[in-house]
Amino acid sequence: MRGGRLFRYCATSAETSQVAQAEKEFAAMVNQKYALGVNSCSSAIMLALMAVGVEPGDQVITNGFTFTALPSTIMRLGAEPVLVEATKSWIMDLDDLEKKIAAFPDAKVLLLSHMRGKVADMDRVVEICEKNGITLVEDCAHSCGVTWRGKQLGYHAKVTAYSTQSDKVINSGEGGFVTTDDDEIAAKMIYLSGCYERRYGKHAVRPPDDLCEVAMAEMPNLSCRMNEVTAAVMRPLIKNLPQRVEAYNRRYDAVVKVLREEAGDVIVVPTQDERVGTVGDHLNFYLTGVTDEQNALFRQTCVAMGVPVSWFQSKVNARWHVNWRKYGSPTFDLPNTDEVLRFAYDLKMPPYFDDEDFPAFAKVIAYASNVAAGKIDLSAILSARDQAARNEAGCIGRCIASVRRAFAACDGATLEVIVADGGSTDATADIAQDHGAAVVASSGGGRGGAFVDAVAASSGDALLLLHADATLSENAIAALPRRWAVVCYAPRFDRRGPHWRALEAWCGLDSAWSTFGDAGIVLRRECWDAVSGGPRWPLFDDVELLRRLRKRGLRVVKLRSARTTCDARRFDAAGFYAYLWTCFRLLLRYRLGGDVYELAEAYARGNPAS
């Protein structure tokens, strides 16, 4: 940083170049002759495919269960991916591989992904490739530190790609390596990656100069070489990888032990071939003996309790082949893969957690699976905190379900439900989709991104927002279409501040109803009119709302919430979810003339609110 030589070939020599030295160290780590540093594993895969001769119109066989970068990169080169089934161990189904080779005889390259470090029988893979004249390229994005027969994985292929992206055990933010033992291929990839003129002299490990001279004249320049800063931050992680693998595996084993002891009849953690040396940087498992509804409850419970498991069949998951079709990837019928992923989950094992954190979140996963499987009677044994957490988990789903039930009684009214998801996890989207809502991925980021996206996505005339972005600006409020009948907003900023005042001014209200929540829900005007009796509904704070409902003759009993202070009306988030949603559900049912005799259930033990 002090020298200012940060970018491609800025270093004065190979000896002073962080990238060149990282390439040398990585080549030694994987026990291959050459390693070339690039800006991403996708670039590494692209260079590997180009170097083995993949051209437009070619067919490239690859995994049906892997990251979207593989089919995307194949298609980027104008080639066509041919997808192969996965087994219950989450590896490529080699029987199906042989079927695909027979069905696609023009395919001459296998791009084999070791997804999440799960390794197929490499002896048989090599045998199949040699028998059919297939060139093997390995995607070892998840396999730094993973071994086959005691050697770093990746040595079977003509060319191999590795990742150093932020989710990997060697983390440089973004980056990757492409490795080979082939002199000619190495020369080609040096120039493909961004070398120009005679900069090959700044590579510490390189093929003979005459091959580099030929590549200089023949290869296009794709400008994807790693920069000096990326290499500098990863070099210590190359050096200490063995020690960190030991820590990863110790923690992984502690998690798996808890899952098998406490939920072994519901959770299955796939095992690997005994010839594989594993790295436990991700937890992968699937549920067995559950329904789709129980699967959804499992996700909601995990997320509510602070463990954001990622479902592989989410409509936004980049590892499910069905989602690839949206950008033009060929459609393949992969029933075995779909069945494997139907109840399958993924969770990173963060290296910055403390050792005691890992059994703790394993217990949450085990607990959630037992809840989903109906093995736990929540009403009998949950503590107040657990009940509040479970209520928080389902707040989005309960909101959508309650609104749907309420508006189902409105003659001639149709309901449009759109949830604006800020994208911090895919749990919001999953829960919303489970309840039949459309999902808008918020692209605006800060300054009211979810709020603006929800408005833009709606074709309705009434807007009910819960937990809109706390940094929503006055300009965003002022720009709202005047067609909206009502806005219910959930700020976390000062009620006396300019944003709050701008919202009240826009609504024409003396006060707004403050809430907590995780979704933006859009309702059509005719739906709102059907329950509210008019185009404008006055919004009040929680106590004022109850007072006005009592004036209408409503009997209110057993309104309780966790850690409630009646005078200041202060709630913890989870307790207030319980309170808010029962109020909102009650309001809709009351407007519809329902015989409501109880305002809220006892989600937590505490002093009754006023």
Foldseek 3Di string as FASTA:
>chain_A
DVVPQWFDLSDPALVRFLQQVLQVLVCVLQVAQTKFKFFALLVLVLLVCVLVPDAAAAEEEEELFAFLSVQVSCVVRNYAYDYAFAALLRAGDVVRVLVVCVVRVRHAEYEYECHLVADDPVVVVLVSNVVSNHAYEYECQAFRVKDFQPGRPGQSGQKYKYWQDCLHLQHLNHIIMMGHNDQLSQLLSVQQQADADPSVRSRPRHHDPVSNVVNNVPHHHPNGGDIRSSSVSRSVSSVCVVVLQVVQVVLLVLLVVLLCVLAVQFKDFRDHDPRMDGRNQKGKIFTPPADLVLLLQLQLQLVLVPFNKDQCPQCPHRRRSVNSVVVPRDDDDHVNNCVSRVGMTMGGDDPPDDSVVRNVSSVSSSVSSCVSVVNDDCVPDPALVSLLSSLQSCLLLLVLVLLCVLLVPQPPFDWAWEWEAQPPGCSSVSSCVVNPHHYDDFPPPAQQRSVLRVQVPDPAQAWEAACTHQNHDLVSLVPRDPSYLEYAYAHPDDCPDPNVVSNCVSLVAPHHEHAHHGTITGTHQSSCCRLQVDSHDHHDYDVVLVVVVVVVVAAEDDADFPPADQVVRDHDRSRRSQNVSLQVSVSSCVSVVHPDRYRGDCSHDDDHHD
